[in-house]
């Protein structure tokens, strides 16, 4: 209706496209994302729509990661940052930050991801964007993923990090989209303290809850990690199923995509798990 019957609605159309394509990321439909994003970028460039081009370029790094080209993802993000407003904090700043954090987690640099969050999130919070549920949910997920990755790398002050992780999860609501996050976090914390039985149970609960919320990509990640812990023929079959699903969507390194979403591997241990 906006496209065919309205005038002066380029912002609305661009935002709707951005939201739709962001949903494709959350469900792991990267082939569809590639097709839509290519068309959207071509259309925005043809019209000279800088806002839409910048919006869409915050998603392009995801496809770079799917193609196992993290260096290119960083280059695209650097290009997008040049076009960001200088004097105001907008949703574009948040979108660039979230994709930047995912890029560092894909590379295996949780400390860099944490540094980016610590540098840029205060301004985003002052702009009241965390009042938007999707922004709060996604921000909490990426922040806790970065903290968990740091714990797996043997970060200093592990007790402080674990406390911050639990506090962040407690601030989430109990709606279907928020509910799986603490389950996944509890599974990763269980791995870090060596309680693999609890981790297996929590990963299964998280996977089922993500499926119920329609967040298929995260459900796949939880099942991969569960399969790693279960091991044997059953565990390998589960990992292979997830690998096949991601490979069918064009993922060159499914293991790195999983590490981006769930940084704590089955063999991870914190230096101080007290």
C-alpha atoms as a PDB file:
ATOM      1  CA  UNK A   1       0.000   0.000   0.000  1.00  0.00           C
ATOM      2  CA  UNK A   2       2.838   2.414   0.809  1.00  0.00           C
ATOM      3  CA  UNK A   3       4.558   1.555  -2.451  1.00  0.00           C
ATOM      4  CA  UNK A   4       1.522   1.718  -4.725  1.00  0.00           C
ATOM      5  CA  UNK A   5      -0.862   4.242  -3.156  1.00  0.00           C
ATOM      6  CA  UNK A   6       1.173   6.723  -1.071  1.00  0.00           C
ATOM      7  CA  UNK A   7       3.644   9.538  -1.631  1.00  0.00           C
ATOM      8  CA  UNK A   8       6.377  10.838   0.672  1.00  0.00           C
ATOM      9  CA  UNK A   9       6.760   7.509   2.459  1.00  0.00           C
ATOM     10  CA  UNK A  10      10.335   6.545   1.606  1.00  0.00           C
ATOM     11  CA  UNK A  11      11.264   6.433   5.319  1.00  0.00           C
ATOM     12  CA  UNK A  12       8.353   4.112   6.110  1.00  0.00           C
ATOM     13  CA  UNK A  13       9.163   1.820   3.187  1.00  0.00           C
ATOM     14  CA  UNK A  14      12.847   1.712   4.020  1.00  0.00           C
ATOM     15  CA  UNK A  15      12.165   0.969   7.690  1.00  0.00           C
ATOM     16  CA  UNK A  16       9.669  -1.773   6.824  1.00  0.00           C
ATOM     17  CA  UNK A  17      12.208  -3.408   4.545  1.00  0.00           C
ATOM     18  CA  UNK A  18      14.886  -3.146   7.225  1.00  0.00           C
ATOM     19  CA  UNK A  19      12.656  -4.788   9.828  1.00  0.00           C
ATOM     20  CA  UNK A  20      11.616  -7.570   7.455  1.00  0.00           C
ATOM     21  CA  UNK A  21      15.211  -8.334   6.498  1.00  0.00           C
ATOM     22  CA  UNK A  22      16.314  -8.237  10.140  1.00  0.00           C
ATOM     23  CA  UNK A  23      13.695 -10.904  10.817  1.00  0.00           C
ATOM     24  CA  UNK A  24      15.240 -13.038   8.068  1.00  0.00           C
ATOM     25  CA  UNK A  25      18.515 -12.919  10.016  1.00  0.00           C
ATOM     26  CA  UNK A  26      16.785 -14.043  13.216  1.00  0.00           C
ATOM     27  CA  UNK A  27      15.238 -17.055  11.494  1.00  0.00           C
ATOM     28  CA  UNK A  28      18.429 -17.890   9.576  1.00  0.00           C
ATOM     29  CA  UNK A  29      17.005 -17.445   6.066  1.00  0.00           C
ATOM     30  CA  UNK A  30      20.189 -16.059   4.560  1.00  0.00           C
ATOM     31  CA  UNK A  31      19.384 -16.999   0.954  1.00  0.00           C
ATOM     32  CA  UNK A  32      16.189 -14.957   1.064  1.00  0.00           C
ATOM     33  CA  UNK A  33      18.055 -12.154   2.849  1.00  0.00           C
ATOM     34  CA  UNK A  34      20.682 -12.040   0.106  1.00  0.00           C
ATOM     35  CA  UNK A  35      18.043 -11.757  -2.592  1.00  0.00           C
ATOM     36  CA  UNK A  36      16.027  -9.070  -0.825  1.00  0.00           C
ATOM     37  CA  UNK A  37      19.033  -7.069   0.349  1.00  0.00           C
ATOM     38  CA  UNK A  38      20.561  -6.947  -3.129  1.00  0.00           C
ATOM     39  CA  UNK A  39      17.309  -5.593  -4.569  1.00  0.00           C
ATOM     40  CA  UNK A  40      16.806  -3.102  -1.726  1.00  0.00           C
ATOM     41  CA  UNK A  41      20.344  -1.716  -2.041  1.00  0.00           C
ATOM     42  CA  UNK A  42      20.030  -1.367  -5.803  1.00  0.00           C
ATOM     43  CA  UNK A  43      16.736   0.491  -5.385  1.00  0.00           C
ATOM     44  CA  UNK A  44      18.111   2.815  -2.679  1.00  0.00           C
ATOM     45  CA  UNK A  45      21.241   3.605  -4.701  1.00  0.00           C
ATOM     46  CA  UNK A  46      19.151   4.320  -7.807  1.00  0.00           C
ATOM     47  CA  UNK A  47      17.034   6.804  -5.842  1.00  0.00           C
ATOM     48  CA  UNK A  48      20.005   8.311  -4.002  1.00  0.00           C
ATOM     49  CA  UNK A  49      18.414   7.446  -0.644  1.00  0.00           C
ATOM     50  CA  UNK A  50      21.342   7.735   1.755  1.00  0.00           C
ATOM     51  CA  UNK A  51      19.270   6.809   4.823  1.00  0.00           C
ATOM     52  CA  UNK A  52      18.004   3.574   3.263  1.00  0.00           C
ATOM     53  CA  UNK A  53      21.450   2.693   1.918  1.00  0.00           C
ATOM     54  CA  UNK A  54      22.953   3.128   5.388  1.00  0.00           C
ATOM     55  CA  UNK A  55      20.158   1.062   6.956  1.00  0.00           C
ATOM     56  CA  UNK A  56      20.679  -1.789   4.531  1.00  0.00           C
ATOM     57  CA  UNK A  57      24.454  -1.688   4.852  1.00  0.00           C
ATOM     58  CA  UNK A  58      24.074  -2.495   8.541  1.00  0.00           C
ATOM     59  CA  UNK A  59      22.743  -5.891   7.381  1.00  0.00           C
ATOM     60  CA  UNK A  60      25.254  -6.482   4.600  1.00  0.00           C
ATOM     61  CA  UNK A  61      28.022  -7.499   7.063  1.00  0.00           C
ATOM     62  CA  UNK A  62      25.851 -10.439   8.157  1.00  0.00           C
ATOM     63  CA  UNK A  63      26.087 -11.830   4.634  1.00  0.00           C
ATOM     64  CA  UNK A  64      29.839 -11.180   4.684  1.00  0.00           C
ATOM     65  CA  UNK A  65      30.055 -13.337   7.810  1.00  0.00           C
ATOM     66  CA  UNK A  66      27.892 -16.013   6.180  1.00  0.00           C
ATOM     67  CA  UNK A  67      30.462 -15.972   3.369  1.00  0.00           C
ATOM     68  CA  UNK A  68      33.276 -16.170   5.958  1.00  0.00           C
ATOM     69  CA  UNK A  69      34.634 -12.734   5.044  1.00  0.00           C
ATOM     70  CA  UNK A  70      34.894 -10.914   8.395  1.00  0.00           C
ATOM     71  CA  UNK A  71      37.428  -8.449   7.019  1.00  0.00           C
ATOM     72  CA  UNK A  72      34.926  -7.351   4.404  1.00  0.00           C
ATOM     73  CA  UNK A  73      32.258  -7.117   7.113  1.00  0.00           C
ATOM     74  CA  UNK A  74      34.445  -4.674   9.019  1.00  0.00           C
ATOM     75  CA  UNK A  75      35.050  -2.646   5.834  1.00  0.00           C
ATOM     76  CA  UNK A  76      31.310  -2.396   5.172  1.00  0.00           C
ATOM     77  CA  UNK A  77      30.685  -1.273   8.749  1.00  0.00           C
ATOM     78  CA  UNK A  78      33.427   1.357   8.479  1.00  0.00           C
ATOM     79  CA  UNK A  79      31.750   2.649   5.320  1.00  0.00           C
ATOM     80  CA  UNK A  80      28.362   2.733   7.066  1.00  0.00           C
ATOM     81  CA  UNK A  81      29.780   4.683  10.036  1.00  0.00           C
ATOM     82  CA  UNK A  82      30.867   7.506   7.724  1.00  0.00           C
ATOM     83  CA  UNK A  83      27.231   8.132   6.815  1.00  0.00           C
ATOM     84  CA  UNK A  84      25.937   8.166  10.411  1.00  0.00           C
ATOM     85  CA  UNK A  85      24.544  11.462  11.758  1.00  0.00           C
ATOM     86  CA  UNK A  86      27.217  13.415  13.614  1.00  0.00           C
ATOM     87  CA  UNK A  87      25.156  15.285  16.180  1.00  0.00           C
ATOM     88  CA  UNK A  88      22.265  12.952  16.983  1.00  0.00           C
ATOM     89  CA  UNK A  89      22.027   9.325  18.082  1.00  0.00           C
ATOM     90  CA  UNK A  90      19.675   7.384  15.818  1.00  0.00           C
ATOM     91  CA  UNK A  91      18.603   3.790  15.297  1.00  0.00           C
ATOM     92  CA  UNK A  92      21.317   3.609  12.649  1.00  0.00           C
ATOM     93  CA  UNK A  93      23.928   3.910  15.396  1.00  0.00           C
ATOM     94  CA  UNK A  94      22.343   1.008  17.256  1.00  0.00           C
ATOM     95  CA  UNK A  95      22.114  -1.126  14.118  1.00  0.00           C
ATOM     96  CA  UNK A  96      25.787  -0.542  13.310  1.00  0.00           C
ATOM     97  CA  UNK A  97      26.767  -1.367  16.904  1.00  0.00           C
ATOM     98  CA  UNK A  98      24.856  -4.653  16.986  1.00  0.00           C
ATOM     99  CA  UNK A  99      26.310  -5.848  13.690  1.00  0.00           C
ATOM    100  CA  UNK A 100      29.777  -4.764  14.806  1.00  0.00           C
ATOM    101  CA  UNK A 101      29.438  -6.816  17.989  1.00  0.00           C
ATOM    102  CA  UNK A 102      28.347  -9.872  16.015  1.00  0.00           C
ATOM    103  CA  UNK A 103      31.307  -9.421  13.694  1.00  0.00           C
ATOM    104  CA  UNK A 104      33.771  -9.438  16.606  1.00  0.00           C
ATOM    105  CA  UNK A 105      32.068 -12.479  18.128  1.00  0.00           C
ATOM    106  CA  UNK A 106      32.290 -14.274  14.784  1.00  0.00           C
ATOM    107  CA  UNK A 107      36.010 -13.563  14.674  1.00  0.00           C
ATOM    108  CA  UNK A 108      36.380 -14.784  18.262  1.00  0.00           C
ATOM    109  CA  UNK A 109      37.209 -11.425  19.843  1.00  0.00           C
ATOM    110  CA  UNK A 110      34.714 -11.005  22.717  1.00  0.00           C
ATOM    111  CA  UNK A 111      36.931  -8.438  24.453  1.00  0.00           C
ATOM    112  CA  UNK A 112      36.688  -6.196  21.376  1.00  0.00           C
ATOM    113  CA  UNK A 113      32.930  -6.733  21.308  1.00  0.00           C
ATOM    114  CA  UNK A 114      32.681  -5.670  24.962  1.00  0.00           C
ATOM    115  CA  UNK A 115      34.792  -2.580  24.269  1.00  0.00           C
ATOM    116  CA  UNK A 116      32.442  -1.554  21.449  1.00  0.00           C
ATOM    117  CA  UNK A 117      29.395  -2.001  23.683  1.00  0.00           C
ATOM    118  CA  UNK A 118      30.965  -0.070  26.551  1.00  0.00           C
ATOM    119  CA  UNK A 119      31.924   2.773  24.206  1.00  0.00           C
ATOM    120  CA  UNK A 120      28.668   3.203  22.300  1.00  0.00           C
ATOM    121  CA  UNK A 121      25.816   1.782  24.375  1.00  0.00           C
ATOM    122  CA  UNK A 122      25.637   4.635  26.944  1.00  0.00           C
ATOM    123  CA  UNK A 123      24.710   7.150  24.232  1.00  0.00           C
ATOM    124  CA  UNK A 124      22.116   4.760  22.812  1.00  0.00           C
ATOM    125  CA  UNK A 125      20.659   4.305  26.291  1.00  0.00           C
ATOM    126  CA  UNK A 126      20.526   8.077  26.835  1.00  0.00           C
ATOM    127  CA  UNK A 127      18.542   8.326  23.588  1.00  0.00           C
ATOM    128  CA  UNK A 128      15.915   6.032  25.201  1.00  0.00           C
ATOM    129  CA  UNK A 129      16.137   3.379  22.478  1.00  0.00           C
ATOM    130  CA  UNK A 130      16.297   0.639  25.106  1.00  0.00           C
ATOM    131  CA  UNK A 131      12.655   1.418  25.849  1.00  0.00           C
ATOM    132  CA  UNK A 132      11.885  -0.387  22.585  1.00  0.00           C
ATOM    133  CA  UNK A 133      11.439  -4.043  23.388  1.00  0.00           C
ATOM    134  CA  UNK A 134      13.241  -5.414  20.337  1.00  0.00           C
ATOM    135  CA  UNK A 135      16.184  -3.088  20.939  1.00  0.00           C
ATOM    136  CA  UNK A 136      16.409  -4.114  24.595  1.00  0.00           C
ATOM    137  CA  UNK A 137      16.116  -7.814  23.760  1.00  0.00           C
ATOM    138  CA  UNK A 138      18.739  -7.771  21.025  1.00  0.00           C
ATOM    139  CA  UNK A 139      21.085  -5.566  23.036  1.00  0.00           C
ATOM    140  CA  UNK A 140      20.832  -7.872  26.040  1.00  0.00           C
ATOM    141  CA  UNK A 141      21.495 -10.911  23.897  1.00  0.00           C
ATOM    142  CA  UNK A 142      24.611  -9.501  22.205  1.00  0.00           C
ATOM    143  CA  UNK A 143      25.960  -8.039  25.452  1.00  0.00           C
ATOM    144  CA  UNK A 144      25.560 -11.294  27.391  1.00  0.00           C
ATOM    145  CA  UNK A 145      27.062 -13.229  24.472  1.00  0.00           C
ATOM    146  CA  UNK A 146      30.133 -10.977  24.575  1.00  0.00           C
ATOM    147  CA  UNK A 147      30.437 -11.381  28.361  1.00  0.00           C
ATOM    148  CA  UNK A 148      30.052 -15.159  28.109  1.00  0.00           C
ATOM    149  CA  UNK A 149      32.680 -15.278  25.373  1.00  0.00           C
ATOM    150  CA  UNK A 150      35.027 -13.337  27.623  1.00  0.00           C
ATOM    151  CA  UNK A 151      34.368 -15.752  30.488  1.00  0.00           C
ATOM    152  CA  UNK A 152      35.182 -18.648  28.193  1.00  0.00           C
ATOM    153  CA  UNK A 153      38.465 -16.911  27.346  1.00  0.00           C
ATOM    154  CA  UNK A 154      39.335 -16.668  31.047  1.00  0.00           C
ATOM    155  CA  UNK A 155      38.454 -13.019  31.608  1.00  0.00           C
ATOM    156  CA  UNK A 156      39.457 -11.246  34.786  1.00  0.00           C
ATOM    157  CA  UNK A 157      36.862 -10.768  37.523  1.00  0.00           C
ATOM    158  CA  UNK A 158      34.634 -13.663  36.396  1.00  0.00           C
ATOM    159  CA  UNK A 159      32.325 -13.264  39.398  1.00  0.00           C
ATOM    160  CA  UNK A 160      31.583  -9.669  38.402  1.00  0.00           C
ATOM    161  CA  UNK A 161      30.844 -10.703  34.835  1.00  0.00           C
ATOM    162  CA  UNK A 162      28.529 -13.502  35.920  1.00  0.00           C
ATOM    163  CA  UNK A 163      26.678 -11.096  38.198  1.00  0.00           C
ATOM    164  CA  UNK A 164      26.289  -8.619  35.329  1.00  0.00           C
ATOM    165  CA  UNK A 165      24.995 -11.387  33.049  1.00  0.00           C
ATOM    166  CA  UNK A 166      22.343 -12.454  35.552  1.00  0.00           C
ATOM    167  CA  UNK A 167      21.297  -8.849  36.183  1.00  0.00           C
ATOM    168  CA  UNK A 168      20.892  -8.232  32.448  1.00  0.00           C
ATOM    169  CA  UNK A 169      18.754 -11.349  32.060  1.00  0.00           C
ATOM    170  CA  UNK A 170      16.610 -10.352  35.043  1.00  0.00           C
ATOM    171  CA  UNK A 171      15.756  -7.073  33.325  1.00  0.00           C
ATOM    172  CA  UNK A 172      14.193  -8.949  30.411  1.00  0.00           C
ATOM    173  CA  UNK A 173      10.495  -9.646  30.476  1.00  0.00           C
ATOM    174  CA  UNK A 174       8.785 -13.021  30.486  1.00  0.00           C
ATOM    175  CA  UNK A 175       7.292 -12.713  26.999  1.00  0.00           C
ATOM    176  CA  UNK A 176       7.934 -15.517  24.471  1.00  0.00           C
ATOM    177  CA  UNK A 177      10.840 -13.699  22.773  1.00  0.00           C
ATOM    178  CA  UNK A 178      12.652 -12.833  26.011  1.00  0.00           C
ATOM    179  CA  UNK A 179      12.054 -16.123  27.829  1.00  0.00           C
ATOM    180  CA  UNK A 180      14.599 -18.254  25.889  1.00  0.00           C
ATOM    181  CA  UNK A 181      17.535 -15.925  26.579  1.00  0.00           C
ATOM    182  CA  UNK A 182      18.035 -16.771  30.296  1.00  0.00           C
ATOM    183  CA  UNK A 183      17.673 -20.464  29.434  1.00  0.00           C
ATOM    184  CA  UNK A 184      20.495 -20.202  26.912  1.00  0.00           C
ATOM    185  CA  UNK A 185      22.612 -18.116  29.270  1.00  0.00           C
ATOM    186  CA  UNK A 186      22.100 -20.661  32.063  1.00  0.00           C
ATOM    187  CA  UNK A 187      23.239 -23.423  29.722  1.00  0.00           C
ATOM    188  CA  UNK A 188      26.455 -21.570  28.899  1.00  0.00           C
ATOM    189  CA  UNK A 189      27.127 -20.770  32.545  1.00  0.00           C
ATOM    190  CA  UNK A 190      26.587 -24.430  33.372  1.00  0.00           C
ATOM    191  CA  UNK A 191      29.212 -25.403  30.786  1.00  0.00           C
ATOM    192  CA  UNK A 192      31.664 -22.937  32.303  1.00  0.00           C
ATOM    193  CA  UNK A 193      31.258 -24.397  35.777  1.00  0.00           C
ATOM    194  CA  UNK A 194      31.493 -27.957  34.431  1.00  0.00           C
ATOM    195  CA  UNK A 195      27.880 -29.001  35.062  1.00  0.00           C
ATOM    196  CA  UNK A 196      27.273 -30.578  31.660  1.00  0.00           C
ATOM    197  CA  UNK A 197      24.088 -32.409  32.683  1.00  0.00           C
ATOM    198  CA  UNK A 198      22.469 -29.102  33.586  1.00  0.00           C
ATOM    199  CA  UNK A 199      23.785 -27.579  30.375  1.00  0.00           C
ATOM    200  CA  UNK A 200      22.216 -30.315  28.228  1.00  0.00           C
ATOM    201  CA  UNK A 201      18.849 -29.754  29.884  1.00  0.00           C
ATOM    202  CA  UNK A 202      19.051 -25.964  29.600  1.00  0.00           C
ATOM    203  CA  UNK A 203      20.130 -26.054  25.948  1.00  0.00           C
ATOM    204  CA  UNK A 204      17.153 -28.264  25.118  1.00  0.00           C
ATOM    205  CA  UNK A 205      14.782 -25.911  26.925  1.00  0.00           C
ATOM    206  CA  UNK A 206      16.311 -22.910  25.170  1.00  0.00           C
ATOM    207  CA  UNK A 207      16.062 -24.541  21.743  1.00  0.00           C
ATOM    208  CA  UNK A 208      12.401 -25.398  22.261  1.00  0.00           C
ATOM    209  CA  UNK A 209      11.653 -21.895  23.559  1.00  0.00           C
ATOM    210  CA  UNK A 210      13.426 -20.241  20.612  1.00  0.00           C
ATOM    211  CA  UNK A 211      11.470 -22.441  18.219  1.00  0.00           C
ATOM    212  CA  UNK A 212       8.227 -21.464  19.929  1.00  0.00           C
ATOM    213  CA  UNK A 213       9.178 -17.785  19.513  1.00  0.00           C
ATOM    214  CA  UNK A 214      10.006 -18.298  15.834  1.00  0.00           C
ATOM    215  CA  UNK A 215      13.714 -17.540  16.355  1.00  0.00           C
ATOM    216  CA  UNK A 216      14.964 -20.510  14.367  1.00  0.00           C
ATOM    217  CA  UNK A 217      18.596 -19.423  14.041  1.00  0.00           C
ATOM    218  CA  UNK A 218      19.058 -19.313  17.819  1.00  0.00           C
ATOM    219  CA  UNK A 219      17.304 -22.657  18.227  1.00  0.00           C
ATOM    220  CA  UNK A 220      19.796 -24.190  15.794  1.00  0.00           C
ATOM    221  CA  UNK A 221      22.689 -22.716  17.754  1.00  0.00           C
ATOM    222  CA  UNK A 222      21.392 -24.156  21.041  1.00  0.00           C
ATOM    223  CA  UNK A 223      20.953 -27.603  19.466  1.00  0.00           C
ATOM    224  CA  UNK A 224      24.477 -27.533  18.029  1.00  0.00           C
ATOM    225  CA  UNK A 225      25.970 -26.817  21.450  1.00  0.00           C
ATOM    226  CA  UNK A 226      23.789 -29.495  23.041  1.00  0.00           C
ATOM    227  CA  UNK A 227      24.968 -31.996  20.434  1.00  0.00           C
ATOM    228  CA  UNK A 228      28.582 -31.152  21.219  1.00  0.00           C
ATOM    229  CA  UNK A 229      28.029 -32.002  24.873  1.00  0.00           C
ATOM    230  CA  UNK A 230      25.958 -35.146  24.283  1.00  0.00           C
ATOM    231  CA  UNK A 231      28.608 -36.491  21.893  1.00  0.00           C
ATOM    232  CA  UNK A 232      28.567 -39.964  20.417  1.00  0.00           C
ATOM    233  CA  UNK A 233      26.434 -40.821  17.422  1.00  0.00           C
ATOM    234  CA  UNK A 234      23.433 -38.947  18.817  1.00  0.00           C
ATOM    235  CA  UNK A 235      25.340 -35.748  19.445  1.00  0.00           C
ATOM    236  CA  UNK A 236      27.189 -35.866  16.126  1.00  0.00           C
ATOM    237  CA  UNK A 237      23.898 -36.408  14.292  1.00  0.00           C
ATOM    238  CA  UNK A 238      22.421 -33.326  15.947  1.00  0.00           C
ATOM    239  CA  UNK A 239      25.444 -31.189  15.075  1.00  0.00           C
ATOM    240  CA  UNK A 240      25.393 -32.517  11.504  1.00  0.00           C
ATOM    241  CA  UNK A 241      21.717 -31.615  11.146  1.00  0.00           C
ATOM    242  CA  UNK A 242      22.401 -28.040  12.199  1.00  0.00           C
ATOM    243  CA  UNK A 243      25.481 -27.875   9.978  1.00  0.00           C
ATOM    244  CA  UNK A 244      23.432 -29.076   7.000  1.00  0.00           C
ATOM    245  CA  UNK A 245      20.695 -26.516   7.679  1.00  0.00           C
ATOM    246  CA  UNK A 246      23.173 -23.627   7.852  1.00  0.00           C
ATOM    247  CA  UNK A 247      25.152 -24.857   4.854  1.00  0.00           C
ATOM    248  CA  UNK A 248      21.935 -24.956   2.833  1.00  0.00           C
ATOM    249  CA  UNK A 249      21.569 -21.238   3.626  1.00  0.00           C
ATOM    250  CA  UNK A 250      25.043 -20.548   2.249  1.00  0.00           C
ATOM    251  CA  UNK A 251      27.070 -20.535   5.497  1.00  0.00           C
ATOM    252  CA  UNK A 252      30.693 -21.271   4.638  1.00  0.00           C
ATOM    253  CA  UNK A 253      31.670 -21.741   8.321  1.00  0.00           C
ATOM    254  CA  UNK A 254      28.629 -22.883  10.303  1.00  0.00           C
ATOM    255  CA  UNK A 255      30.847 -23.414  13.343  1.00  0.00           C
ATOM    256  CA  UNK A 256      31.781 -19.720  13.392  1.00  0.00           C
ATOM    257  CA  UNK A 257      28.155 -18.642  13.035  1.00  0.00           C
ATOM    258  CA  UNK A 258      27.328 -20.818  16.048  1.00  0.00           C
ATOM    259  CA  UNK A 259      30.268 -19.327  17.975  1.00  0.00           C
ATOM    260  CA  UNK A 260      28.946 -15.844  17.144  1.00  0.00           C
ATOM    261  CA  UNK A 261      25.579 -16.679  18.687  1.00  0.00           C
ATOM    262  CA  UNK A 262      26.645 -19.026  21.503  1.00  0.00           C
ATOM    263  CA  UNK A 263      30.317 -18.330  22.284  1.00  0.00           C
ATOM    264  CA  UNK A 264      30.764 -20.963  24.997  1.00  0.00           C
ATOM    265  CA  UNK A 265      31.826 -24.240  23.402  1.00  0.00           C
ATOM    266  CA  UNK A 266      31.349 -27.626  25.044  1.00  0.00           C
ATOM    267  CA  UNK A 267      34.989 -27.834  26.124  1.00  0.00           C
ATOM    268  CA  UNK A 268      35.156 -24.281  27.516  1.00  0.00           C
ATOM    269  CA  UNK A 269      36.028 -23.772  31.159  1.00  0.00           C
ATOM    270  CA  UNK A 270      36.381 -20.562  33.126  1.00  0.00           C
ATOM    271  CA  UNK A 271      39.631 -20.068  35.005  1.00  0.00           C
ATOM    272  CA  UNK A 272      37.607 -19.137  38.084  1.00  0.00           C
ATOM    273  CA  UNK A 273      34.214 -20.858  38.129  1.00  0.00           C
ATOM    274  CA  UNK A 274      33.396 -20.054  41.717  1.00  0.00           C
END
